[in-house]
Structure formats: C-alpha cells, structure tokens
C-alpha atoms as a PDB file:
ATOM      1  CA  MET A   1     -12.643 115.263 197.861  1.00  0.00           C
ATOM      2  CA  ASP A   2     -14.474 117.914 195.879  1.00  0.00           C
ATOM      3  CA  ASP A   3     -18.091 118.383 196.942  1.00  0.00           C
ATOM      4  CA  ARG A   4     -18.947 121.218 194.543  1.00  0.00           C
ATOM      5  CA  PRO A   5     -20.982 119.139 192.065  1.00  0.00           C
ATOM      6  CA  ARG A   6     -22.887 117.591 194.944  1.00  0.00           C
ATOM      7  CA  ARG A   7     -23.565 120.999 196.499  1.00  0.00           C
ATOM      8  CA  SER A   8     -24.747 122.459 193.210  1.00  0.00           C
ATOM      9  CA  ASP A   9     -27.002 119.439 192.676  1.00  0.00           C
ATOM     10  CA  PHE A  10     -28.438 119.909 196.156  1.00  0.00           C
ATOM     11  CA  ARG A  11     -29.082 123.616 195.584  1.00  0.00           C
ATOM     12  CA  GLU A  12     -30.831 122.890 192.313  1.00  0.00           C
ATOM     13  CA  PHE A  13     -32.946 120.218 194.012  1.00  0.00           C
ATOM     14  CA  VAL A  14     -33.985 122.648 196.766  1.00  0.00           C
ATOM     15  CA  ARG A  15     -34.822 125.408 194.266  1.00  0.00           C
ATOM     16  CA  THR A  16     -37.112 123.149 192.281  1.00  0.00           C
ATOM     17  CA  HIS A  17     -38.713 120.956 194.964  1.00  0.00           C
ATOM     18  CA  HIS A  18     -39.053 123.219 198.039  1.00  0.00           C
ATOM     19  CA  PRO A  19     -42.679 123.404 199.260  1.00  0.00           C
ATOM     20  CA  ASP A  20     -42.520 127.219 199.390  1.00  0.00           C
ATOM     21  CA  VAL A  21     -42.102 127.337 195.604  1.00  0.00           C
ATOM     22  CA  GLY A  22     -44.809 124.784 194.884  1.00  0.00           C
ATOM     23  CA  GLY A  23     -42.920 121.508 195.280  1.00  0.00           C
ATOM     24  CA  ASP A  24     -44.266 118.380 196.902  1.00  0.00           C
ATOM     25  CA  GLN A  25     -43.408 118.091 200.606  1.00  0.00           C
ATOM     26  CA  ALA A  26     -42.947 114.293 200.530  1.00  0.00           C
ATOM     27  CA  THR A  27     -40.542 114.538 197.594  1.00  0.00           C
ATOM     28  CA  PHE A  28     -38.624 117.303 199.322  1.00  0.00           C
ATOM     29  CA  VAL A  29     -38.269 115.341 202.584  1.00  0.00           C
ATOM     30  CA  ALA A  30     -37.150 112.221 200.696  1.00  0.00           C
ATOM     31  CA  GLY A  31     -34.600 114.261 198.748  1.00  0.00           C
ATOM     32  CA  LEU A  32     -33.217 115.838 201.910  1.00  0.00           C
ATOM     33  CA  ALA A  33     -32.764 112.368 203.384  1.00  0.00           C
ATOM     34  CA  ALA A  34     -30.849 111.321 200.264  1.00  0.00           C
ATOM     35  CA  TYR A  35     -28.532 114.349 200.384  1.00  0.00           C
ATOM     36  CA  ARG A  36     -28.026 114.267 204.160  1.00  0.00           C
ATOM     37  CA  PRO A  37     -24.542 113.078 205.134  1.00  0.00           C
ATOM     38  CA  ALA A  38     -24.379 109.611 206.641  1.00  0.00           C
ATOM     39  CA  VAL A  39     -22.668 111.029 209.739  1.00  0.00           C
ATOM     40  CA  ILE A  40     -25.768 112.957 210.882  1.00  0.00           C
ATOM     41  CA  ARG A  41     -28.518 110.682 212.107  1.00  0.00           C
ATOM     42  CA  ALA A  42     -32.202 111.622 212.190  1.00  0.00           C
ATOM     43  CA  ASP A  43     -32.293 111.377 216.010  1.00  0.00           C
ATOM     44  CA  ASP A  44     -29.393 113.812 216.445  1.00  0.00           C
ATOM     45  CA  PRO A  45     -30.359 116.332 219.170  1.00  0.00           C
ATOM     46  CA  ARG A  46     -28.800 119.176 217.166  1.00  0.00           C
ATOM     47  CA  LEU A  47     -31.532 118.738 214.559  1.00  0.00           C
ATOM     48  CA  ALA A  48     -34.290 119.002 217.183  1.00  0.00           C
ATOM     49  CA  ALA A  49     -33.221 122.438 218.464  1.00  0.00           C
ATOM     50  CA  ASP A  50     -35.705 125.278 218.185  1.00  0.00           C
ATOM     51  CA  VAL A  51     -34.974 128.202 215.891  1.00  0.00           C
ATOM     52  CA  VAL A  52     -34.988 131.518 217.731  1.00  0.00           C
ATOM     53  CA  PHE A  53     -35.561 134.820 215.950  1.00  0.00           C
ATOM     54  CA  ARG A  54     -34.470 138.052 217.589  1.00  0.00           C
ATOM     55  CA  ARG A  55     -35.923 141.381 216.556  1.00  0.00           C
ATOM     56  CA  THR A  56     -33.549 144.288 216.663  1.00  0.00           C
ATOM     57  CA  PRO A  57     -34.706 147.872 216.934  1.00  0.00           C
ATOM     58  CA  HIS A  58     -34.545 150.161 213.895  1.00  0.00           C
ATOM     59  CA  GLY A  59     -34.089 153.882 213.445  1.00  0.00           C
ATOM     60  CA  LEU A  60     -33.880 156.085 216.522  1.00  0.00           C
ATOM     61  CA  LEU A  61     -34.572 153.156 218.839  1.00  0.00           C
ATOM     62  CA  ALA A  62     -31.487 151.400 217.441  1.00  0.00           C
ATOM     63  CA  VAL A  63     -29.321 154.424 218.226  1.00  0.00           C
ATOM     64  CA  VAL A  64     -30.706 154.625 221.761  1.00  0.00           C
ATOM     65  CA  ASP A  65     -30.220 150.880 222.241  1.00  0.00           C
ATOM     66  CA  ARG A  66     -26.578 151.104 221.175  1.00  0.00           C
ATOM     67  CA  MET A  67     -25.970 154.045 223.511  1.00  0.00           C
ATOM     68  CA  VAL A  68     -27.542 152.214 226.464  1.00  0.00           C
ATOM     69  CA  ARG A  69     -25.439 149.118 225.776  1.00  0.00           C
ATOM     70  CA  TRP A  70     -22.277 151.201 225.409  1.00  0.00           C
ATOM     71  CA  TYR A  71     -22.957 153.048 228.670  1.00  0.00           C
ATOM     72  CA  ALA A  72     -23.671 149.799 230.539  1.00  0.00           C
ATOM     73  CA  GLN A  73     -20.477 148.274 229.168  1.00  0.00           C
ATOM     74  CA  ARG A  74     -18.423 151.284 230.249  1.00  0.00           C
ATOM     75  CA  ARG A  75     -19.782 151.129 233.812  1.00  0.00           C
ATOM     76  CA  ARG A  76     -19.195 147.397 234.158  1.00  0.00           C
ATOM     77  CA  PRO A  77     -16.206 146.433 236.326  1.00  0.00           C
ATOM     78  CA  PRO A  78     -13.187 144.939 234.527  1.00  0.00           C
ATOM     79  CA  ARG A  79     -13.152 141.207 233.933  1.00  0.00           C
ATOM     80  CA  VAL A  80      -9.535 140.784 234.976  1.00  0.00           C
ATOM     81  CA  ARG A  81      -8.471 141.747 238.471  1.00  0.00           C
END
C-alpha cells in the first residue's frame, strides 16, 4: 500500500490550517482526527506523554561538558566482569 499521496495531503493540510500560521484551531483538530490512523485511539497513553526539552551547552561549556563526560566514562568500571 502506497501512503505517499495521503502523506502529501496531510502535510499540505498542516501547512495551511495549523494555528501557528493563522489557521482555525477547531478545523485543525478535526482534520487531525480525520487523518489519524484508526489503530491509534484518542485515549492511548502514548499520546498523553509530556514533551521534554533538554538544553545542551554551547561553545566552551560544550567542550568542557564533553571532557567531563569522557573522563567519567573512562573511570567507570567495565560492564562485563
């Protein structure tokens, strides 16, 4: 089964109706429900999971962070005995 036309239709729908680009939220939610596969139900616990963002250091702090992690990994005992 080829899902490329369906995927392209979905992408076009999101580009035009997403609330961040000025679309109506109710229309967007209804469209997502229409495109959602029948296998995934609305009460699926995977859909209720929180999104977690992790900030990584930049610049000199990133270099220091990598060195600290490398040193800690080198001093860790082996996993296999």
